[in-house]
């Protein structure tokens, strides 16, 4: 990681920085993003849609058929896509449905229906 950072710094020209545009949560088209999920990611997201939040222990119990490493990977992908937020509560990792996504889903039932 440090080598990659140093290499990028050496190759970049001074005064030349590029930033990628970042979409705000209100600009995300959740239903299009949701279509990009794999079957396993969609199962996890649907579980969190019904529960609103779950600890990593609860998710490991619910998805015991998925190896732990794969479950973590799938959860992190869902976090990176901004469907879910990750936090800590009493030394336990908690995954919570993003309120922006949750309110959009509640307002647009076609998101939920398209996955059935």
N, C-alpha and C. Protein backbone atom coordinates (compact mmCIF):
# COMPACT_ATOMS: atom_id res chain seq x y z
N UNK A 1 0.83 -1.19 0.00
CA UNK A 1 0.00 0.00 0.00
C UNK A 1 0.87 1.25 0.00
N UNK A 2 1.88 1.26 0.84
CA UNK A 2 2.78 2.41 0.90
C UNK A 2 3.54 2.55 -0.40
N UNK A 3 3.98 1.42 -0.95
CA UNK A 3 4.70 1.45 -2.22
C UNK A 3 3.81 2.00 -3.32
N UNK A 4 2.55 1.58 -3.35
CA UNK A 4 1.61 2.07 -4.35
C UNK A 4 1.38 3.56 -4.23
N UNK A 5 1.27 4.05 -2.99
CA UNK A 5 1.08 5.48 -2.75
C UNK A 5 2.31 6.25 -3.22
N UNK A 6 3.51 5.76 -2.87
CA UNK A 6 4.74 6.44 -3.26
C UNK A 6 4.89 6.45 -4.78
N UNK A 7 4.58 5.35 -5.43
CA UNK A 7 4.67 5.26 -6.88
C UNK A 7 3.70 6.23 -7.55
N UNK A 8 2.49 6.29 -7.06
CA UNK A 8 1.50 7.22 -7.62
C UNK A 8 1.94 8.66 -7.43
N UNK A 9 2.54 8.96 -6.29
CA UNK A 9 3.01 10.31 -6.00
C UNK A 9 4.14 10.69 -6.95
N UNK A 10 5.07 9.75 -7.22
CA UNK A 10 6.19 10.02 -8.11
C UNK A 10 5.72 10.23 -9.55
N UNK A 11 4.71 9.47 -9.97
CA UNK A 11 4.25 9.55 -11.35
C UNK A 11 3.32 10.72 -11.62
N UNK A 12 2.71 11.26 -10.58
CA UNK A 12 1.80 12.38 -10.79
C UNK A 12 2.58 13.66 -10.98
N UNK A 13 2.01 14.55 -11.78
CA UNK A 13 2.67 15.83 -12.04
C UNK A 13 2.22 16.83 -10.97
N UNK A 14 3.14 17.68 -10.51
CA UNK A 14 2.77 18.67 -9.49
C UNK A 14 1.64 19.57 -9.97
N UNK A 15 0.74 19.87 -9.06
CA UNK A 15 -0.36 20.78 -9.38
C UNK A 15 -1.45 20.15 -10.21
N UNK A 16 -1.34 18.87 -10.45
CA UNK A 16 -2.32 18.20 -11.29
C UNK A 16 -3.04 17.14 -10.47
N UNK A 17 -4.17 17.52 -9.93
CA UNK A 17 -4.96 16.55 -9.16
C UNK A 17 -6.32 16.43 -9.79
N UNK A 18 -6.81 15.23 -9.81
CA UNK A 18 -8.14 14.97 -10.35
C UNK A 18 -8.99 14.37 -9.25
N UNK A 19 -10.20 14.82 -9.17
CA UNK A 19 -11.13 14.22 -8.22
C UNK A 19 -12.29 13.64 -8.99
N UNK A 20 -12.72 12.51 -8.54
CA UNK A 20 -13.87 11.88 -9.17
C UNK A 20 -15.14 12.49 -8.62
N UNK A 21 -16.15 12.66 -9.46
CA UNK A 21 -17.42 13.17 -8.94
C UNK A 21 -18.05 12.14 -8.01
N UNK A 22 -18.55 12.60 -6.89
CA UNK A 22 -19.19 11.72 -5.93
C UNK A 22 -20.67 12.05 -5.89
N UNK A 23 -21.48 11.02 -6.07
CA UNK A 23 -22.93 11.22 -6.04
C UNK A 23 -23.40 11.34 -4.60
N UNK A 24 -24.30 12.26 -4.37
CA UNK A 24 -24.91 12.31 -3.05
C UNK A 24 -25.94 11.19 -2.99
N UNK A 25 -26.33 10.84 -1.79
CA UNK A 25 -27.30 9.75 -1.63
C UNK A 25 -28.59 10.03 -2.37
N UNK A 26 -28.97 11.30 -2.46
CA UNK A 26 -30.22 11.64 -3.13
C UNK A 26 -30.13 11.45 -4.64
N UNK A 27 -28.90 11.43 -5.19
CA UNK A 27 -28.73 11.26 -6.63
C UNK A 27 -28.60 9.80 -7.06
N UNK A 28 -28.39 8.92 -6.12
CA UNK A 28 -28.21 7.50 -6.45
C UNK A 28 -29.54 6.93 -6.92
N UNK A 29 -29.50 6.21 -8.01
CA UNK A 29 -30.70 5.53 -8.49
C UNK A 29 -30.64 4.11 -7.93
N UNK A 30 -31.24 3.99 -6.76
CA UNK A 30 -31.11 2.76 -5.98
C UNK A 30 -31.54 1.53 -6.76
N UNK A 31 -32.63 1.61 -7.52
CA UNK A 31 -33.12 0.42 -8.21
C UNK A 31 -32.13 -0.05 -9.27
N UNK A 32 -31.43 0.87 -9.92
CA UNK A 32 -30.41 0.46 -10.90
C UNK A 32 -29.21 -0.17 -10.20
N UNK A 33 -28.83 0.44 -9.09
CA UNK A 33 -27.71 -0.09 -8.33
C UNK A 33 -28.06 -1.46 -7.76
N UNK A 34 -29.29 -1.64 -7.36
CA UNK A 34 -29.75 -2.89 -6.76
C UNK A 34 -29.71 -4.04 -7.78
N UNK A 35 -29.95 -3.70 -9.05
CA UNK A 35 -29.90 -4.72 -10.11
C UNK A 35 -28.49 -5.27 -10.31
N UNK A 36 -27.48 -4.55 -9.84
CA UNK A 36 -26.09 -4.97 -10.00
C UNK A 36 -25.64 -5.96 -8.92
N UNK A 37 -26.47 -6.16 -7.90
CA UNK A 37 -26.11 -7.07 -6.82
C UNK A 37 -26.13 -8.52 -7.29
N UNK A 38 -25.25 -9.32 -6.70
CA UNK A 38 -25.28 -10.76 -6.96
C UNK A 38 -26.44 -11.35 -6.17
N UNK A 39 -26.75 -12.59 -6.43
CA UNK A 39 -27.84 -13.26 -5.71
C UNK A 39 -27.60 -13.30 -4.21
N UNK A 40 -26.37 -13.58 -3.80
CA UNK A 40 -26.05 -13.63 -2.37
C UNK A 40 -26.15 -12.25 -1.74
N UNK A 41 -25.63 -11.23 -2.42
CA UNK A 41 -25.71 -9.87 -1.90
C UNK A 41 -27.17 -9.45 -1.76
N UNK A 42 -27.98 -9.81 -2.72
CA UNK A 42 -29.40 -9.46 -2.68
C UNK A 42 -30.10 -10.14 -1.50
N UNK A 43 -29.76 -11.40 -1.24
CA UNK A 43 -30.34 -12.10 -0.08
C UNK A 43 -29.99 -11.38 1.22
N UNK A 44 -28.74 -10.98 1.35
CA UNK A 44 -28.30 -10.28 2.55
C UNK A 44 -29.03 -8.94 2.67
N UNK A 45 -29.12 -8.21 1.57
CA UNK A 45 -29.79 -6.91 1.59
C UNK A 45 -31.27 -7.08 1.93
N UNK A 46 -31.93 -8.07 1.37
CA UNK A 46 -33.34 -8.29 1.67
C UNK A 46 -33.55 -8.62 3.14
N UNK A 47 -32.63 -9.38 3.72
CA UNK A 47 -32.70 -9.68 5.15
C UNK A 47 -32.60 -8.38 5.95
N UNK A 48 -31.65 -7.53 5.58
CA UNK A 48 -31.48 -6.26 6.29
C UNK A 48 -32.64 -5.31 6.04
N UNK A 49 -33.29 -5.42 4.90
CA UNK A 49 -34.48 -4.60 4.64
C UNK A 49 -35.60 -4.94 5.61
N UNK A 50 -35.71 -6.21 5.96
CA UNK A 50 -36.76 -6.61 6.89
C UNK A 50 -36.38 -6.31 8.34
N UNK A 51 -35.09 -6.46 8.67
CA UNK A 51 -34.63 -6.26 10.05
C UNK A 51 -34.21 -4.82 10.35
N UNK A 52 -33.85 -4.07 9.33
CA UNK A 52 -33.32 -2.69 9.45
C UNK A 52 -31.88 -2.66 9.95
N UNK A 53 -31.50 -3.55 10.87
CA UNK A 53 -30.11 -3.65 11.30
C UNK A 53 -29.87 -5.05 11.86
N UNK A 54 -28.60 -5.45 11.85
CA UNK A 54 -28.24 -6.77 12.38
C UNK A 54 -26.77 -6.77 12.75
N UNK A 55 -26.44 -7.51 13.78
CA UNK A 55 -25.04 -7.66 14.17
C UNK A 55 -24.39 -8.68 13.24
N UNK A 56 -23.07 -8.67 13.24
CA UNK A 56 -22.36 -9.65 12.42
C UNK A 56 -22.67 -11.06 12.90
N UNK A 57 -22.87 -11.22 14.19
CA UNK A 57 -23.21 -12.54 14.75
C UNK A 57 -24.56 -13.01 14.22
N UNK A 58 -25.55 -12.12 14.20
CA UNK A 58 -26.87 -12.47 13.67
C UNK A 58 -26.77 -12.84 12.19
N UNK A 59 -25.97 -12.10 11.45
CA UNK A 59 -25.81 -12.38 10.02
C UNK A 59 -25.10 -13.71 9.79
N UNK A 60 -24.11 -14.01 10.62
CA UNK A 60 -23.40 -15.29 10.51
C UNK A 60 -24.34 -16.46 10.80
N UNK A 61 -25.23 -16.27 11.77
CA UNK A 61 -26.20 -17.32 12.08
C UNK A 61 -27.21 -17.49 10.95
N UNK A 62 -27.73 -16.38 10.45
CA UNK A 62 -28.74 -16.43 9.38
C UNK A 62 -28.15 -17.02 8.10
N UNK A 63 -26.93 -16.64 7.78
CA UNK A 63 -26.29 -17.08 6.53
C UNK A 63 -25.16 -18.06 6.83
N UNK A 64 -25.44 -19.02 7.66
CA UNK A 64 -24.42 -20.00 8.07
C UNK A 64 -23.91 -20.84 6.90
N UNK A 65 -24.66 -20.89 5.82
CA UNK A 65 -24.24 -21.63 4.63
C UNK A 65 -23.18 -20.89 3.82
N UNK A 66 -22.93 -19.62 4.18
CA UNK A 66 -21.90 -18.82 3.51
C UNK A 66 -20.67 -18.79 4.40
N UNK A 67 -19.50 -19.16 3.89
CA UNK A 67 -18.28 -19.07 4.71
C UNK A 67 -18.08 -17.62 5.21
N UNK A 68 -17.52 -17.49 6.42
CA UNK A 68 -17.37 -16.17 7.04
C UNK A 68 -16.65 -15.16 6.14
N UNK A 69 -15.56 -15.57 5.52
CA UNK A 69 -14.81 -14.64 4.65
C UNK A 69 -15.68 -14.12 3.51
N UNK A 70 -16.44 -15.00 2.91
CA UNK A 70 -17.31 -14.58 1.81
C UNK A 70 -18.42 -13.66 2.32
N UNK A 71 -18.97 -13.97 3.48
CA UNK A 71 -20.00 -13.12 4.06
C UNK A 71 -19.47 -11.71 4.30
N UNK A 72 -18.27 -11.60 4.89
CA UNK A 72 -17.67 -10.29 5.12
C UNK A 72 -17.48 -9.55 3.80
N UNK A 73 -16.98 -10.26 2.79
CA UNK A 73 -16.76 -9.66 1.47
C UNK A 73 -18.07 -9.14 0.89
N UNK A 74 -19.11 -9.96 0.93
CA UNK A 74 -20.42 -9.55 0.39
C UNK A 74 -20.96 -8.34 1.14
N UNK A 75 -20.83 -8.35 2.47
CA UNK A 75 -21.30 -7.22 3.27
C UNK A 75 -20.54 -5.95 2.93
N UNK A 76 -19.23 -6.06 2.77
CA UNK A 76 -18.43 -4.88 2.44
C UNK A 76 -18.79 -4.32 1.07
N UNK A 77 -19.11 -5.20 0.13
CA UNK A 77 -19.56 -4.73 -1.18
C UNK A 77 -20.86 -3.95 -1.06
N UNK A 78 -21.77 -4.45 -0.24
CA UNK A 78 -23.05 -3.76 -0.03
C UNK A 78 -22.82 -2.42 0.67
N UNK A 79 -21.87 -2.39 1.59
CA UNK A 79 -21.51 -1.13 2.27
C UNK A 79 -20.94 -0.15 1.25
N UNK A 80 -20.03 -0.61 0.42
CA UNK A 80 -19.41 0.26 -0.59
C UNK A 80 -20.44 0.80 -1.59
N UNK A 81 -21.48 0.03 -1.84
CA UNK A 81 -22.54 0.49 -2.74
C UNK A 81 -23.54 1.40 -2.01
N UNK A 82 -23.32 1.59 -0.71
CA UNK A 82 -24.05 2.52 0.14
C UNK A 82 -25.48 2.09 0.49
N UNK A 83 -25.79 0.83 0.32
CA UNK A 83 -27.09 0.31 0.76
C UNK A 83 -27.12 0.17 2.28
N UNK A 84 -25.96 -0.13 2.85
CA UNK A 84 -25.85 -0.46 4.26
C UNK A 84 -24.71 0.33 4.89
N UNK A 85 -24.89 0.70 6.16
CA UNK A 85 -23.86 1.38 6.93
C UNK A 85 -23.30 0.41 7.96
N UNK A 86 -21.99 0.50 8.22
CA UNK A 86 -21.35 -0.36 9.20
C UNK A 86 -20.96 0.47 10.41
N UNK A 87 -21.17 -0.08 11.60
CA UNK A 87 -20.79 0.61 12.83
C UNK A 87 -20.48 -0.38 13.93
N UNK A 88 -20.29 0.14 15.13
CA UNK A 88 -20.00 -0.70 16.29
C UNK A 88 -20.94 -0.35 17.42
N UNK A 89 -21.36 -1.37 18.14
CA UNK A 89 -22.19 -1.19 19.32
C UNK A 89 -21.83 -2.28 20.31
N UNK A 90 -21.35 -1.90 21.49
CA UNK A 90 -20.94 -2.87 22.52
C UNK A 90 -19.98 -3.92 21.98
N UNK A 91 -18.91 -3.47 21.34
CA UNK A 91 -17.88 -4.36 20.78
C UNK A 91 -18.42 -5.34 19.75
N UNK A 92 -19.51 -5.02 19.12
CA UNK A 92 -20.12 -5.87 18.09
C UNK A 92 -20.25 -5.03 16.81
N UNK A 93 -19.86 -5.60 15.69
CA UNK A 93 -20.03 -4.91 14.41
C UNK A 93 -21.51 -5.00 14.02
N UNK A 94 -22.08 -3.85 13.68
CA UNK A 94 -23.50 -3.76 13.34
C UNK A 94 -23.63 -3.25 11.91
N UNK A 95 -24.50 -3.87 11.14
CA UNK A 95 -24.82 -3.41 9.80
C UNK A 95 -26.24 -2.88 9.82
N UNK A 96 -26.40 -1.65 9.33
CA UNK A 96 -27.70 -0.99 9.38
C UNK A 96 -28.08 -0.49 7.99
N UNK A 97 -29.33 -0.62 7.65
CA UNK A 97 -29.81 -0.15 6.36
C UNK A 97 -29.60 1.36 6.28
N UNK A 98 -29.06 1.83 5.17
CA UNK A 98 -28.86 3.27 4.95
C UNK A 98 -30.23 3.95 4.97
N UNK A 99 -30.44 4.96 5.81
CA UNK A 99 -31.75 5.63 5.89
C UNK A 99 -32.21 6.21 4.55
N UNK A 100 -31.27 6.73 3.74
CA UNK A 100 -31.65 7.27 2.43
C UNK A 100 -32.20 6.18 1.52
N UNK A 101 -31.53 5.02 1.54
CA UNK A 101 -32.00 3.89 0.74
C UNK A 101 -33.33 3.38 1.29
N UNK A 102 -33.40 3.24 2.60
CA UNK A 102 -34.59 2.72 3.25
C UNK A 102 -35.82 3.58 2.92
N UNK A 103 -35.67 4.90 2.99
CA UNK A 103 -36.81 5.77 2.70
C UNK A 103 -37.19 5.71 1.22
N UNK A 104 -36.21 5.53 0.36
CA UNK A 104 -36.49 5.41 -1.07
C UNK A 104 -37.25 4.12 -1.35
N UNK A 105 -36.83 3.04 -0.70
CA UNK A 105 -37.50 1.75 -0.88
C UNK A 105 -38.94 1.83 -0.39
N UNK A 106 -39.12 2.49 0.75
CA UNK A 106 -40.48 2.62 1.29
C UNK A 106 -41.35 3.47 0.40
N UNK A 107 -40.76 4.47 -0.27
CA UNK A 107 -41.51 5.34 -1.18
C UNK A 107 -41.77 4.68 -2.53
N UNK A 108 -40.86 3.79 -2.96
CA UNK A 108 -40.95 3.17 -4.27
C UNK A 108 -40.98 1.66 -4.12
N UNK A 109 -42.16 1.09 -4.00
CA UNK A 109 -42.30 -0.34 -3.78
C UNK A 109 -41.85 -1.18 -4.98
N UNK A 110 -41.64 -0.55 -6.14
CA UNK A 110 -41.19 -1.31 -7.30
C UNK A 110 -39.79 -1.86 -7.08
N UNK A 111 -38.99 -1.21 -6.23
CA UNK A 111 -37.64 -1.72 -5.92
C UNK A 111 -37.77 -3.07 -5.25
N UNK A 112 -38.67 -3.16 -4.29
CA UNK A 112 -38.86 -4.42 -3.58
C UNK A 112 -39.51 -5.46 -4.50
N UNK A 113 -40.47 -5.05 -5.29
CA UNK A 113 -41.19 -5.98 -6.14
C UNK A 113 -40.31 -6.55 -7.24
N UNK A 114 -39.37 -5.76 -7.76
CA UNK A 114 -38.57 -6.22 -8.88
C UNK A 114 -37.65 -7.37 -8.51
N UNK A 115 -37.40 -7.58 -7.20
CA UNK A 115 -36.50 -8.64 -6.79
C UNK A 115 -37.23 -9.96 -6.56
N UNK A 116 -38.53 -9.95 -6.54
CA UNK A 116 -39.29 -11.19 -6.25
C UNK A 116 -39.46 -12.04 -7.47
